[in-house]
Amino acid sequence: LGSTTDQTKNDYEQQENFDLAYAFPFVYPYVPSTLSLDQLDMPHELHLDFLSLVS
């Protein structure tokens, strides 16, 4: 017999009428920033004093 997890998955697939094992393709558009890192100002509230600039 299958486990309760398998049964729950089967019940969910039948209820929702789609296959959970199918991976839907997703395209995320990449838009590079026009700012370079040296143009960014880090707020003091972020407490990132431990970081140092490497050039």
Protein backbone atom coordinates (compact mmCIF):
# COMPACT_ATOMS: atom_id res chain seq x y z
CA LEU A 1 0.00 0.00 0.00
CA GLY A 2 1.13 3.54 -0.68
CA SER A 3 1.89 6.04 1.99
CA THR A 4 -0.58 8.68 3.12
CA THR A 5 1.61 11.30 1.43
CA ASP A 6 1.22 9.51 -1.91
CA GLN A 7 -2.53 9.25 -1.37
CA THR A 8 -2.77 12.94 -0.47
CA LYS A 9 -0.84 13.84 -3.63
CA ASN A 10 -3.10 11.64 -5.74
CA ASP A 11 -6.21 13.16 -4.17
CA TYR A 12 -4.90 16.67 -4.79
CA GLU A 13 -4.06 15.92 -8.43
CA GLN A 14 -7.53 14.54 -9.05
CA GLN A 15 -9.20 17.44 -7.25
CA GLU A 16 -7.24 20.18 -9.02
CA ASN A 17 -7.12 18.31 -12.33
CA PHE A 18 -3.47 18.97 -13.13
CA ASP A 19 -0.22 17.07 -12.84
CA LEU A 20 2.01 18.24 -9.98
CA ALA A 21 5.04 16.53 -11.55
CA TYR A 22 4.92 18.73 -14.66
CA ALA A 23 7.41 21.61 -14.60
CA PHE A 24 5.91 24.65 -16.25
CA PRO A 25 8.42 26.70 -18.26
CA PHE A 26 9.07 30.15 -16.89
CA VAL A 27 11.05 32.88 -18.61
CA TYR A 28 12.30 35.64 -16.36
CA PRO A 29 13.39 38.68 -18.34
CA TYR A 30 16.81 39.98 -17.35
CA VAL A 31 17.17 43.74 -17.52
CA PRO A 32 20.59 44.93 -16.38
CA SER A 33 20.76 47.99 -14.19
CA THR A 34 22.10 51.23 -15.59
CA LEU A 35 23.80 51.91 -12.24
CA SER A 36 27.19 50.53 -11.39
CA LEU A 37 27.96 49.34 -7.87
CA ASP A 38 30.19 52.32 -7.09
CA GLN A 39 27.23 54.63 -7.71
CA LEU A 40 25.12 53.01 -4.99
CA ASP A 41 24.82 54.55 -1.53
CA MET A 42 24.27 52.04 1.24
CA PRO A 43 22.13 53.40 4.09
CA HIS A 44 23.77 53.30 7.52
CA GLU A 45 20.61 51.64 8.91
CA LEU A 46 21.54 48.42 7.09
CA HIS A 47 24.60 48.03 9.38
CA LEU A 48 26.87 46.89 6.57
CA ASP A 49 29.99 48.51 8.02
CA PHE A 50 31.79 45.16 7.92
CA LEU A 51 31.83 45.30 4.10
CA SER A 52 34.76 46.92 2.35
CA LEU A 53 35.16 48.19 -1.18
CA VAL A 54 37.36 46.00 -3.35
CA SER A 55 38.69 47.63 -6.48
